[in-house]
Amino acid sequence: MLPDLEQLKATYKNLPDDKLTRLAVNEAASLRPEALELVKAEIKSRGLDTEITKAMDVQSIDVSDSRFESYLSLIRSQACPVCTSKAQPLNAALSGTVMSFILLTQYKKKLLIACPTCLHTANQDATVKTALLGWWGFPWGLIRTPQALVRNIKTAKKIKAGDATTELITFVKNNIVVIDTIKNNGQSLQFMLSGLNKR
């Protein structure tokens, strides 16, 4: 059973500033509308930074919202963090690489945001590595290698299609507060994209 509004109000009132801020910035999207308004009211009554409530509003943006489209377009219009070209809109792709050494098999999935040319190159590299080195582990090499190859074939088709991939939409949705904060700073946007690619 969900707690009533008076219980929620008391809970938020008793939270220290740092926990209330963390709740607002990280979990606003999961709160029901009435709880969201209570958190905003508590933040206002304490005189905390107004940027916190702005971050809460940004989290509630729906994928079909025109503001979300503007954030997606902003990311797609950045220079490629791999080759620095601005000739093609950026996209995101998840490629799988399997490498096996008799009893040891490693299956790594890597998300990359880059231009379609760089995404295609990275996906092709992952496919070639997997095709050459994935099969040699027993039993997982024989299982994981086909899985990775099928994933990479699907990824190649997505890249070729040119529309924003599910991976890019998810990335923007999950990082919408950060993107909103740095949307006017091209250098910070590049740093964020490069940081993701280095993971």
N, C-alpha and C. Protein backbone atom coordinates (compact mmCIF):
# COMPACT_ATOMS: atom_id res chain seq x y z
N MET A 1 0.83 -1.19 0.00
CA MET A 1 0.00 0.00 0.00
C MET A 1 0.88 1.26 0.00
N LEU A 2 0.52 2.23 -0.86
CA LEU A 2 1.30 3.46 -0.95
C LEU A 2 1.09 4.32 0.29
N PRO A 3 2.15 4.99 0.76
CA PRO A 3 1.98 5.88 1.91
C PRO A 3 1.10 7.07 1.53
N ASP A 4 0.29 7.58 2.49
CA ASP A 4 -0.55 8.73 2.16
C ASP A 4 0.30 10.00 2.14
N LEU A 5 -0.30 11.09 1.68
CA LEU A 5 0.45 12.33 1.47
C LEU A 5 1.02 12.90 2.76
N GLU A 6 0.29 12.74 3.87
CA GLU A 6 0.79 13.25 5.16
C GLU A 6 2.05 12.49 5.60
N GLN A 7 2.05 11.16 5.37
CA GLN A 7 3.24 10.35 5.70
C GLN A 7 4.43 10.77 4.84
N LEU A 8 4.16 10.97 3.54
CA LEU A 8 5.23 11.40 2.63
C LEU A 8 5.78 12.76 3.04
N LYS A 9 4.88 13.67 3.36
CA LYS A 9 5.28 15.03 3.77
C LYS A 9 6.20 14.97 4.98
N ALA A 10 5.83 14.14 5.95
CA ALA A 10 6.64 13.99 7.17
C ALA A 10 7.99 13.36 6.85
N THR A 11 7.99 12.37 5.95
CA THR A 11 9.24 11.70 5.55
C THR A 11 10.20 12.70 4.90
N TYR A 12 9.69 13.49 3.94
CA TYR A 12 10.53 14.46 3.23
C TYR A 12 11.02 15.56 4.16
N LYS A 13 10.17 15.94 5.11
CA LYS A 13 10.53 17.00 6.07
C LYS A 13 11.70 16.55 6.95
N ASN A 14 11.76 15.25 7.25
CA ASN A 14 12.81 14.72 8.12
C ASN A 14 14.11 14.35 7.39
N LEU A 15 14.09 14.41 6.07
CA LEU A 15 15.31 14.07 5.32
C LEU A 15 16.33 15.20 5.43
N PRO A 16 17.61 14.87 5.63
CA PRO A 16 18.65 15.92 5.60
C PRO A 16 18.71 16.54 4.19
N ASP A 17 19.26 17.74 4.07
CA ASP A 17 19.33 18.44 2.78
C ASP A 17 19.96 17.60 1.68
N ASP A 18 21.09 16.91 2.01
CA ASP A 18 21.79 16.15 0.97
C ASP A 18 20.94 14.98 0.45
N LYS A 19 20.20 14.31 1.35
CA LYS A 19 19.36 13.18 0.92
C LYS A 19 18.15 13.66 0.14
N LEU A 20 17.59 14.80 0.53
CA LEU A 20 16.46 15.37 -0.19
C LEU A 20 16.90 15.78 -1.60
N THR A 21 18.07 16.39 -1.68
CA THR A 21 18.62 16.80 -2.98
C THR A 21 18.88 15.59 -3.87
N ARG A 22 19.46 14.54 -3.28
CA ARG A 22 19.73 13.32 -4.04
C ARG A 22 18.43 12.69 -4.57
N LEU A 23 17.41 12.68 -3.72
CA LEU A 23 16.11 12.15 -4.12
C LEU A 23 15.55 12.96 -5.29
N ALA A 24 15.65 14.28 -5.20
CA ALA A 24 15.11 15.16 -6.24
C ALA A 24 15.86 15.01 -7.56
N VAL A 25 17.16 14.95 -7.48
CA VAL A 25 17.98 14.92 -8.70
C VAL A 25 18.02 13.53 -9.35
N ASN A 26 18.06 12.48 -8.54
CA ASN A 26 18.24 11.14 -9.10
C ASN A 26 16.96 10.31 -9.24
N GLU A 27 15.94 10.62 -8.45
CA GLU A 27 14.78 9.73 -8.44
C GLU A 27 13.45 10.42 -8.75
N ALA A 28 13.49 11.67 -9.19
CA ALA A 28 12.25 12.41 -9.45
C ALA A 28 11.36 11.70 -10.46
N ALA A 29 11.97 11.10 -11.48
CA ALA A 29 11.19 10.45 -12.54
C ALA A 29 10.36 9.28 -12.01
N SER A 30 10.78 8.68 -10.88
CA SER A 30 10.06 7.51 -10.35
C SER A 30 9.00 7.90 -9.31
N LEU A 31 8.93 9.18 -8.94
CA LEU A 31 7.94 9.60 -7.94
C LEU A 31 6.58 9.87 -8.59
N ARG A 32 5.51 9.57 -7.84
CA ARG A 32 4.18 9.90 -8.36
C ARG A 32 3.99 11.42 -8.28
N PRO A 33 3.11 12.00 -9.11
CA PRO A 33 2.99 13.46 -9.20
C PRO A 33 2.79 14.18 -7.87
N GLU A 34 1.96 13.62 -6.98
CA GLU A 34 1.71 14.28 -5.68
C GLU A 34 2.98 14.32 -4.84
N ALA A 35 3.75 13.21 -4.88
CA ALA A 35 5.01 13.14 -4.12
C ALA A 35 6.01 14.14 -4.69
N LEU A 36 6.02 14.27 -6.01
CA LEU A 36 6.92 15.21 -6.68
C LEU A 36 6.65 16.64 -6.20
N GLU A 37 5.37 17.00 -6.11
CA GLU A 37 5.00 18.35 -5.65
C GLU A 37 5.39 18.57 -4.19
N LEU A 38 5.27 17.51 -3.38
CA LEU A 38 5.68 17.63 -1.97
C LEU A 38 7.19 17.86 -1.84
N VAL A 39 7.97 17.15 -2.66
CA VAL A 39 9.43 17.32 -2.64
C VAL A 39 9.78 18.75 -3.06
N LYS A 40 9.14 19.23 -4.12
CA LYS A 40 9.39 20.60 -4.59
C LYS A 40 9.06 21.62 -3.50
N ALA A 41 7.92 21.41 -2.84
CA ALA A 41 7.49 22.34 -1.77
C ALA A 41 8.50 22.34 -0.62
N GLU A 42 9.02 21.15 -0.28
CA GLU A 42 10.01 21.05 0.81
C GLU A 42 11.31 21.75 0.43
N ILE A 43 11.73 21.56 -0.81
CA ILE A 43 12.95 22.22 -1.30
C ILE A 43 12.79 23.73 -1.23
N LYS A 44 11.62 24.22 -1.67
CA LYS A 44 11.34 25.66 -1.66
C LYS A 44 11.31 26.20 -0.23
N SER A 45 10.67 25.45 0.69
CA SER A 45 10.56 25.92 2.07
C SER A 45 11.92 26.00 2.76
N ARG A 46 12.86 25.16 2.33
CA ARG A 46 14.21 25.18 2.92
C ARG A 46 15.12 26.21 2.25
N GLY A 47 14.65 26.79 1.14
CA GLY A 47 15.46 27.77 0.42
C GLY A 47 16.65 27.15 -0.30
N LEU A 48 16.49 25.87 -0.71
CA LEU A 48 17.57 25.20 -1.44
C LEU A 48 17.64 25.70 -2.88
N ASP A 49 18.71 25.41 -3.56
CA ASP A 49 18.98 25.88 -4.92
C ASP A 49 17.80 25.60 -5.86
N THR A 50 17.37 26.60 -6.62
CA THR A 50 16.25 26.44 -7.56
C THR A 50 16.61 25.51 -8.72
N GLU A 51 17.92 25.31 -8.96
CA GLU A 51 18.35 24.38 -10.01
C GLU A 51 17.89 22.95 -9.71
N ILE A 52 17.68 22.64 -8.44
CA ILE A 52 17.25 21.29 -8.07
C ILE A 52 15.85 21.02 -8.63
N THR A 53 14.93 21.97 -8.46
CA THR A 53 13.58 21.77 -9.00
C THR A 53 13.59 21.77 -10.52
N LYS A 54 14.51 22.53 -11.11
CA LYS A 54 14.63 22.52 -12.57
C LYS A 54 15.07 21.13 -13.04
N ALA A 55 16.01 20.52 -12.32
CA ALA A 55 16.47 19.17 -12.65
C ALA A 55 15.33 18.17 -12.54
N MET A 56 14.44 18.38 -11.55
CA MET A 56 13.28 17.49 -11.40
C MET A 56 12.34 17.61 -12.60
N ASP A 57 12.11 18.84 -13.05
CA ASP A 57 11.23 19.06 -14.21
C ASP A 57 11.81 18.42 -15.47
N VAL A 58 13.13 18.51 -15.63
CA VAL A 58 13.79 17.95 -16.81
C VAL A 58 13.62 16.44 -16.84
N GLN A 59 13.70 15.80 -15.66
CA GLN A 59 13.56 14.33 -15.60
C GLN A 59 12.19 13.86 -16.04
N SER A 60 11.18 14.72 -15.90
CA SER A 60 9.82 14.30 -16.24
C SER A 60 9.50 14.45 -17.73
N ILE A 61 10.48 14.90 -18.52
CA ILE A 61 10.26 15.04 -19.96
C ILE A 61 10.05 13.67 -20.57
N ASP A 62 9.01 13.55 -21.36
CA ASP A 62 8.68 12.28 -22.02
C ASP A 62 9.44 12.18 -23.34
N VAL A 63 9.70 10.94 -23.78
CA VAL A 63 10.44 10.71 -25.03
C VAL A 63 9.72 11.33 -26.22
N SER A 64 8.40 11.45 -26.14
CA SER A 64 7.64 12.02 -27.26
C SER A 64 7.59 13.56 -27.19
N ASP A 65 8.08 14.12 -26.12
CA ASP A 65 8.07 15.57 -25.91
C ASP A 65 9.02 16.27 -26.88
N SER A 66 8.63 17.47 -27.33
CA SER A 66 9.49 18.22 -28.27
C SER A 66 10.80 18.65 -27.62
N ARG A 67 10.78 18.86 -26.28
CA ARG A 67 12.03 19.21 -25.59
C ARG A 67 13.01 18.05 -25.63
N PHE A 68 12.49 16.82 -25.49
CA PHE A 68 13.36 15.65 -25.58
C PHE A 68 14.00 15.59 -26.97
N GLU A 69 13.20 15.85 -27.99
CA GLU A 69 13.71 15.86 -29.38
C GLU A 69 14.83 16.87 -29.54
N SER A 70 14.71 18.02 -28.86
CA SER A 70 15.76 19.04 -28.97
C SER A 70 17.05 18.57 -28.32
N TYR A 71 16.96 17.83 -27.19
CA TYR A 71 18.16 17.28 -26.54
C TYR A 71 18.80 16.20 -27.43
N LEU A 72 17.95 15.38 -28.04
CA LEU A 72 18.44 14.33 -28.93
C LEU A 72 19.16 14.95 -30.13
N SER A 73 18.56 15.99 -30.70
CA SER A 73 19.17 16.69 -31.84
C SER A 73 20.48 17.34 -31.45
N LEU A 74 20.51 17.89 -30.23
CA LEU A 74 21.74 18.52 -29.74
C LEU A 74 22.89 17.52 -29.70
N ILE A 75 22.64 16.33 -29.15
CA ILE A 75 23.68 15.30 -29.08
C ILE A 75 24.07 14.86 -30.49
N ARG A 76 23.10 14.67 -31.36
CA ARG A 76 23.38 14.19 -32.72
C ARG A 76 24.18 15.21 -33.53
N SER A 77 24.07 16.50 -33.17
CA SER A 77 24.76 17.55 -33.95
C SER A 77 26.20 17.80 -33.48
N GLN A 78 26.62 17.13 -32.42
CA GLN A 78 27.99 17.32 -31.92
C GLN A 78 29.01 16.70 -32.87
N ALA A 79 30.26 17.16 -32.76
CA ALA A 79 31.35 16.55 -33.53
C ALA A 79 31.58 15.13 -33.02
N CYS A 80 31.94 14.25 -33.91
CA CYS A 80 32.20 12.86 -33.53
C CYS A 80 33.34 12.81 -32.52
N PRO A 81 33.13 12.19 -31.36
CA PRO A 81 34.20 12.12 -30.36
C PRO A 81 35.36 11.22 -30.77
N VAL A 82 35.19 10.45 -31.85
CA VAL A 82 36.27 9.57 -32.32
C VAL A 82 37.10 10.25 -33.39
N CYS A 83 36.44 10.77 -34.44
CA CYS A 83 37.19 11.35 -35.58
C CYS A 83 37.05 12.86 -35.69
N THR A 84 36.26 13.48 -34.83
CA THR A 84 35.99 14.93 -34.77
C THR A 84 35.22 15.49 -35.98
N SER A 85 34.71 14.65 -36.85
CA SER A 85 33.95 15.11 -38.01
C SER A 85 32.54 15.53 -37.60
N LYS A 86 32.01 16.54 -38.30
CA LYS A 86 30.62 16.96 -38.07
C LYS A 86 29.78 16.68 -39.31
N ALA A 87 30.31 15.88 -40.22
CA ALA A 87 29.65 15.62 -41.51
C ALA A 87 28.38 14.80 -41.38
N GLN A 88 28.30 13.93 -40.36
CA GLN A 88 27.13 13.05 -40.20
C GLN A 88 26.60 13.16 -38.78
N PRO A 89 25.28 13.02 -38.60
CA PRO A 89 24.75 13.07 -37.22
C PRO A 89 25.22 11.87 -36.41
N LEU A 90 25.51 12.13 -35.15
CA LEU A 90 25.98 11.06 -34.26
C LEU A 90 24.87 10.06 -33.98
N ASN A 91 25.29 8.87 -33.62
CA ASN A 91 24.36 7.83 -33.22
C ASN A 91 25.06 6.98 -32.16
N ALA A 92 24.36 6.00 -31.63
CA ALA A 92 24.95 5.10 -30.63
C ALA A 92 24.73 3.67 -31.07
N ALA A 93 25.70 2.82 -30.75
CA ALA A 93 25.59 1.40 -31.10
C ALA A 93 26.25 0.57 -30.01
N LEU A 94 25.69 -0.62 -29.80
CA LEU A 94 26.22 -1.56 -28.83
C LEU A 94 26.76 -2.76 -29.59
N SER A 95 28.07 -2.96 -29.52
CA SER A 95 28.71 -4.09 -30.21
C SER A 95 29.24 -5.08 -29.19
N GLY A 96 29.28 -6.35 -29.58
CA GLY A 96 29.79 -7.39 -28.69
C GLY A 96 31.07 -8.00 -29.22
N THR A 97 32.01 -8.23 -28.32
CA THR A 97 33.27 -8.88 -28.68
C THR A 97 33.49 -10.09 -27.78
N VAL A 98 33.79 -11.23 -28.39
CA VAL A 98 34.08 -12.45 -27.62
C VAL A 98 35.51 -12.87 -27.93
N MET A 99 36.27 -13.12 -26.85
CA MET A 99 37.62 -13.66 -27.01
C MET A 99 37.76 -14.85 -26.06
N SER A 100 38.24 -15.95 -26.60
CA SER A 100 38.34 -17.18 -25.81
C SER A 100 39.77 -17.69 -25.76
N PHE A 101 40.11 -18.28 -24.61
CA PHE A 101 41.42 -18.90 -24.41
C PHE A 101 41.21 -20.23 -23.70
N ILE A 102 40.83 -21.23 -24.40
CA ILE A 102 40.54 -22.60 -23.96
C ILE A 102 39.44 -22.62 -22.87
N LEU A 103 39.80 -22.42 -21.60
CA LEU A 103 38.79 -22.49 -20.54
C LEU A 103 38.21 -21.13 -20.17
N LEU A 104 38.80 -20.07 -20.70
CA LEU A 104 38.36 -18.71 -20.35
C LEU A 104 37.73 -18.04 -21.58
N THR A 105 36.54 -17.52 -21.40
CA THR A 105 35.85 -16.78 -22.47
C THR A 105 35.41 -15.43 -21.91
N GLN A 106 35.77 -14.37 -22.63
CA GLN A 106 35.35 -13.02 -22.26
C GLN A 106 34.34 -12.51 -23.28
N TYR A 107 33.20 -12.01 -22.79
CA TYR A 107 32.20 -11.42 -23.67
C TYR A 107 31.99 -9.98 -23.21
N LYS A 108 32.44 -9.03 -24.03
CA LYS A 108 32.33 -7.62 -23.66
C LYS A 108 31.35 -6.93 -24.61
N LYS A 109 30.43 -6.17 -24.02
CA LYS A 109 29.52 -5.34 -24.81
C LYS A 109 29.96 -3.91 -24.63
N LYS A 110 30.13 -3.19 -25.74
CA LYS A 110 30.60 -1.80 -25.65
C LYS A 110 29.64 -0.87 -26.35
N LEU A 111 29.21 0.15 -25.60
CA LEU A 111 28.36 1.20 -26.16
C LEU A 111 29.28 2.31 -26.66
N LEU A 112 29.05 2.74 -27.88
CA LEU A 112 29.86 3.79 -28.48
C LEU A 112 28.94 4.83 -29.08
N ILE A 113 29.23 6.11 -28.84
CA ILE A 113 28.53 7.20 -29.51
C ILE A 113 29.53 7.84 -30.45
N ALA A 114 29.19 7.86 -31.73
CA ALA A 114 30.10 8.37 -32.75
C ALA A 114 29.33 8.59 -34.04
N CYS A 115 30.04 9.02 -35.08
CA CYS A 115 29.41 9.16 -36.39
C CYS A 115 29.20 7.76 -36.98
N PRO A 116 28.31 7.59 -37.95
CA PRO A 116 28.05 6.26 -38.51
C PRO A 116 29.31 5.56 -39.06
N THR A 117 30.23 6.32 -39.63
CA THR A 117 31.46 5.72 -40.16
C THR A 117 32.29 5.09 -39.05
N CYS A 118 32.47 5.82 -37.95
CA CYS A 118 33.25 5.29 -36.82
C CYS A 118 32.52 4.14 -36.13
N LEU A 119 31.18 4.24 -36.03
CA LEU A 119 30.40 3.14 -35.45
C LEU A 119 30.55 1.87 -36.28
N HIS A 120 30.49 2.04 -37.61
CA HIS A 120 30.62 0.89 -38.51
C HIS A 120 32.00 0.24 -38.35
N THR A 121 33.05 1.07 -38.27
CA THR A 121 34.41 0.56 -38.11
C THR A 121 34.55 -0.21 -36.80
N ALA A 122 34.03 0.37 -35.70
CA ALA A 122 34.12 -0.29 -34.38
C ALA A 122 33.34 -1.60 -34.37
N ASN A 123 32.17 -1.60 -34.98
CA ASN A 123 31.34 -2.80 -35.03
C ASN A 123 32.01 -3.89 -35.88
N GLN A 124 32.62 -3.46 -36.97
CA GLN A 124 33.33 -4.42 -37.85
C GLN A 124 34.53 -5.02 -37.12
N ASP A 125 35.28 -4.18 -36.40
CA ASP A 125 36.43 -4.67 -35.62
C ASP A 125 35.98 -5.71 -34.58
N ALA A 126 34.87 -5.41 -33.89
CA ALA A 126 34.34 -6.34 -32.89
C ALA A 126 33.92 -7.65 -33.54
N THR A 127 33.33 -7.57 -34.72
CA THR A 127 32.87 -8.76 -35.44
C THR A 127 34.05 -9.62 -35.89
N VAL A 128 35.07 -8.99 -36.45
CA VAL A 128 36.25 -9.73 -36.92
C VAL A 128 36.97 -10.40 -35.76
N LYS A 129 37.18 -9.64 -34.65
CA LYS A 129 37.83 -10.20 -33.46
C LYS A 129 37.07 -11.42 -32.94
N THR A 130 35.75 -11.27 -32.89
CA THR A 130 34.90 -12.35 -32.38
C THR A 130 34.97 -13.57 -33.29
N ALA A 131 34.90 -13.34 -34.61
CA ALA A 131 34.93 -14.44 -35.58
C ALA A 131 36.25 -15.21 -35.52
N LEU A 132 37.35 -14.49 -35.24
CA LEU A 132 38.67 -15.13 -35.20
C LEU A 132 39.01 -15.74 -33.83
N LEU A 133 38.61 -15.04 -32.76
CA LEU A 133 39.08 -15.44 -31.42
C LEU A 133 38.00 -15.93 -30.48
N GLY A 134 36.75 -15.92 -30.92
CA GLY A 134 35.67 -16.25 -30.00
C GLY A 134 35.42 -17.72 -29.79
N TRP A 135 35.71 -18.53 -30.79
CA TRP A 135 35.31 -19.94 -30.77
C TRP A 135 36.16 -20.84 -29.88
N TRP A 136 37.31 -20.39 -29.44
CA TRP A 136 38.32 -21.29 -28.87
C TRP A 136 38.11 -21.68 -27.41
N GLY A 137 37.05 -21.19 -26.81
CA GLY A 137 36.79 -21.54 -25.40
C GLY A 137 35.67 -22.56 -25.29
N PHE A 138 35.80 -23.49 -24.36
CA PHE A 138 34.77 -24.50 -24.19
C PHE A 138 34.20 -24.40 -22.78
N PRO A 139 32.88 -24.32 -22.60
CA PRO A 139 31.83 -24.36 -23.62
C PRO A 139 31.38 -22.97 -24.08
N TRP A 140 31.77 -21.91 -23.29
CA TRP A 140 31.18 -20.59 -23.51
C TRP A 140 31.56 -19.94 -24.82
N GLY A 141 32.73 -20.23 -25.35
CA GLY A 141 33.11 -19.65 -26.64
C GLY A 141 32.15 -20.05 -27.74
N LEU A 142 31.70 -21.31 -27.69
CA LEU A 142 30.78 -21.82 -28.70
C LEU A 142 29.36 -21.24 -28.53
N ILE A 143 29.05 -20.77 -27.34
CA ILE A 143 27.73 -20.19 -27.08
C ILE A 143 27.74 -18.68 -27.32
N ARG A 144 28.74 -18.01 -26.73
CA ARG A 144 28.78 -16.55 -26.79
C ARG A 144 29.13 -15.99 -28.18
N THR A 145 29.95 -16.71 -28.92
CA THR A 145 30.38 -16.21 -30.23
C THR A 145 29.20 -15.98 -31.17
N PRO A 146 28.31 -16.97 -31.36
CA PRO A 146 27.15 -16.70 -32.22
C PRO A 146 26.26 -15.57 -31.71
N GLN A 147 26.14 -15.49 -30.36
CA GLN A 147 25.33 -14.41 -29.79
C GLN A 147 25.90 -13.04 -30.17
N ALA A 148 27.21 -12.89 -30.02
CA ALA A 148 27.86 -11.61 -30.34
C ALA A 148 27.77 -11.31 -31.84
N LEU A 149 27.96 -12.32 -32.67
CA LEU A 149 27.91 -12.11 -34.12
C LEU A 149 26.51 -11.67 -34.56
N VAL A 150 25.48 -12.30 -34.00
CA VAL A 150 24.10 -11.91 -34.33
C VAL A 150 23.84 -10.48 -33.87
N ARG A 151 24.28 -10.15 -32.65
CA ARG A 151 24.13 -8.78 -32.13
C ARG A 151 24.79 -7.77 -33.08
N ASN A 152 26.01 -8.09 -33.53
CA ASN A 152 26.74 -7.16 -34.37
C ASN A 152 26.12 -7.00 -35.76
N ILE A 153 25.51 -8.06 -36.27
CA ILE A 153 24.80 -7.96 -37.55
C ILE A 153 23.59 -7.02 -37.41
N LYS A 154 22.86 -7.18 -36.31
CA LYS A 154 21.71 -6.29 -36.05
C LYS A 154 22.18 -4.85 -35.87
N THR A 155 23.29 -4.67 -35.17
CA THR A 155 23.84 -3.34 -34.94
C THR A 155 24.22 -2.68 -36.27
N ALA A 156 24.84 -3.45 -37.17
CA ALA A 156 25.24 -2.91 -38.49
C ALA A 156 24.01 -2.40 -39.25
N LYS A 157 22.90 -3.13 -39.16
CA LYS A 157 21.66 -2.71 -39.84
C LYS A 157 21.12 -1.41 -39.24
N LYS A 158 21.17 -1.31 -37.90
CA LYS A 158 20.69 -0.10 -37.23
C LYS A 158 21.52 1.12 -37.64
N ILE A 159 22.85 0.93 -37.69
CA ILE A 159 23.74 2.03 -38.05
C ILE A 159 23.42 2.51 -39.46
N LYS A 160 23.23 1.55 -40.35
CA LYS A 160 22.95 1.85 -41.76
C LYS A 160 21.64 2.60 -41.92
N ALA A 161 20.65 2.27 -41.09
CA ALA A 161 19.33 2.91 -41.20
C ALA A 161 19.39 4.42 -40.96
N GLY A 162 20.30 4.86 -40.09
CA GLY A 162 20.51 6.29 -39.89
C GLY A 162 19.63 6.97 -38.85
N ASP A 163 18.49 6.37 -38.48
CA ASP A 163 17.64 6.96 -37.44
C ASP A 163 18.33 6.82 -36.08
N ALA A 164 17.92 7.66 -35.13
CA ALA A 164 18.46 7.55 -33.77
C ALA A 164 18.15 6.15 -33.23
N THR A 165 19.17 5.46 -32.78
CA THR A 165 18.99 4.09 -32.28
C THR A 165 18.37 4.12 -30.89
N THR A 166 17.85 2.98 -30.49
CA THR A 166 17.30 2.83 -29.14
C THR A 166 18.38 3.16 -28.10
N GLU A 167 19.62 2.75 -28.39
CA GLU A 167 20.74 3.00 -27.46
C GLU A 167 20.97 4.50 -27.27
N LEU A 168 20.86 5.29 -28.36
CA LEU A 168 21.07 6.73 -28.23
C LEU A 168 19.91 7.37 -27.47
N ILE A 169 18.69 6.95 -27.78
CA ILE A 169 17.51 7.49 -27.08
C ILE A 169 17.60 7.20 -25.58
N THR A 170 18.01 5.98 -25.24
CA THR A 170 18.16 5.59 -23.83
C THR A 170 19.25 6.41 -23.16
N PHE A 171 20.37 6.62 -23.86
CA PHE A 171 21.47 7.41 -23.31
C PHE A 171 21.00 8.83 -22.99
N VAL A 172 20.29 9.45 -23.94
CA VAL A 172 19.82 10.83 -23.73
C VAL A 172 18.82 10.87 -22.57
N LYS A 173 17.90 9.91 -22.54
CA LYS A 173 16.90 9.86 -21.46
C LYS A 173 17.57 9.70 -20.09
N ASN A 174 18.56 8.83 -20.00
CA ASN A 174 19.25 8.58 -18.73
C ASN A 174 20.15 9.73 -18.29
N ASN A 175 20.56 10.56 -19.24
CA ASN A 175 21.50 11.65 -18.92
C ASN A 175 20.88 13.02 -19.16
N ILE A 176 19.56 13.09 -19.17
CA ILE A 176 18.88 14.32 -19.55
C ILE A 176 19.17 15.48 -18.60
N VAL A 177 19.34 15.19 -17.32
CA VAL A 177 19.64 16.27 -16.36
C VAL A 177 21.02 16.85 -16.63
N VAL A 178 21.99 15.98 -16.89
CA VAL A 178 23.36 16.43 -17.19
C VAL A 178 23.36 17.22 -18.50
N ILE A 179 22.68 16.69 -19.52
CA ILE A 179 22.65 17.37 -20.83
C ILE A 179 22.01 18.74 -20.69
N ASP A 180 20.93 18.84 -19.91
CA ASP A 180 20.29 20.13 -19.72
C ASP A 180 21.23 21.13 -19.04
N THR A 181 22.02 20.63 -18.11
CA THR A 181 22.94 21.50 -17.37
C THR A 181 24.06 22.04 -18.27
N ILE A 182 24.54 21.21 -19.21
CA ILE A 182 25.70 21.61 -20.03
C ILE A 182 25.35 21.87 -21.49
N LYS A 183 24.06 22.03 -21.79
CA LYS A 183 23.62 22.13 -23.19
C LYS A 183 24.24 23.29 -23.96
N ASN A 184 24.67 24.34 -23.27
CA ASN A 184 25.27 25.50 -23.96
C ASN A 184 26.79 25.46 -23.96
N ASN A 185 27.35 24.36 -23.50
CA ASN A 185 28.81 24.24 -23.41
C ASN A 185 29.28 23.05 -24.26
N GLY A 186 29.66 23.35 -25.50
CA GLY A 186 30.08 22.31 -26.44
C GLY A 186 31.23 21.47 -25.93
N GLN A 187 32.17 22.10 -25.21
CA GLN A 187 33.33 21.38 -24.68
C GLN A 187 32.90 20.34 -23.64
N SER A 188 31.97 20.73 -22.78
CA SER A 188 31.48 19.79 -21.76
C SER A 188 30.71 18.64 -22.39
N LEU A 189 29.93 18.93 -23.43
CA LEU A 189 29.20 17.88 -24.14
C LEU A 189 30.18 16.88 -24.75
N GLN A 190 31.23 17.41 -25.37
CA GLN A 190 32.25 16.53 -25.96
C GLN A 190 32.94 15.68 -24.90
N PHE A 191 33.21 16.29 -23.76
CA PHE A 191 33.85 15.58 -22.66
C PHE A 191 32.96 14.44 -22.17
N MET A 192 31.65 14.70 -22.08
CA MET A 192 30.70 13.67 -21.65
C MET A 192 30.69 12.50 -22.65
N LEU A 193 30.63 12.81 -23.93
CA LEU A 193 30.58 11.76 -24.97
C LEU A 193 31.88 10.97 -25.01
N SER A 194 33.00 11.67 -24.92
CA SER A 194 34.30 10.99 -24.92
C SER A 194 34.45 10.10 -23.70
N GLY A 195 33.96 10.58 -22.55
CA GLY A 195 34.03 9.79 -21.32
C GLY A 195 33.25 8.50 -21.43
N LEU A 196 32.08 8.55 -22.05
CA LEU A 196 31.28 7.34 -22.24
C LEU A 196 32.03 6.35 -23.12
N ASN A 197 32.65 6.85 -24.20
CA ASN A 197 33.34 5.97 -25.14
C ASN A 197 34.59 5.33 -24.54
N LYS A 198 35.15 5.93 -23.50
CA LYS A 198 36.37 5.36 -22.88
C LYS A 198 36.04 4.28 -21.85
N ARG A 199 34.78 4.13 -21.49
CA ARG A 199 34.40 3.13 -20.47
C ARG A 199 34.64 1.73 -20.99
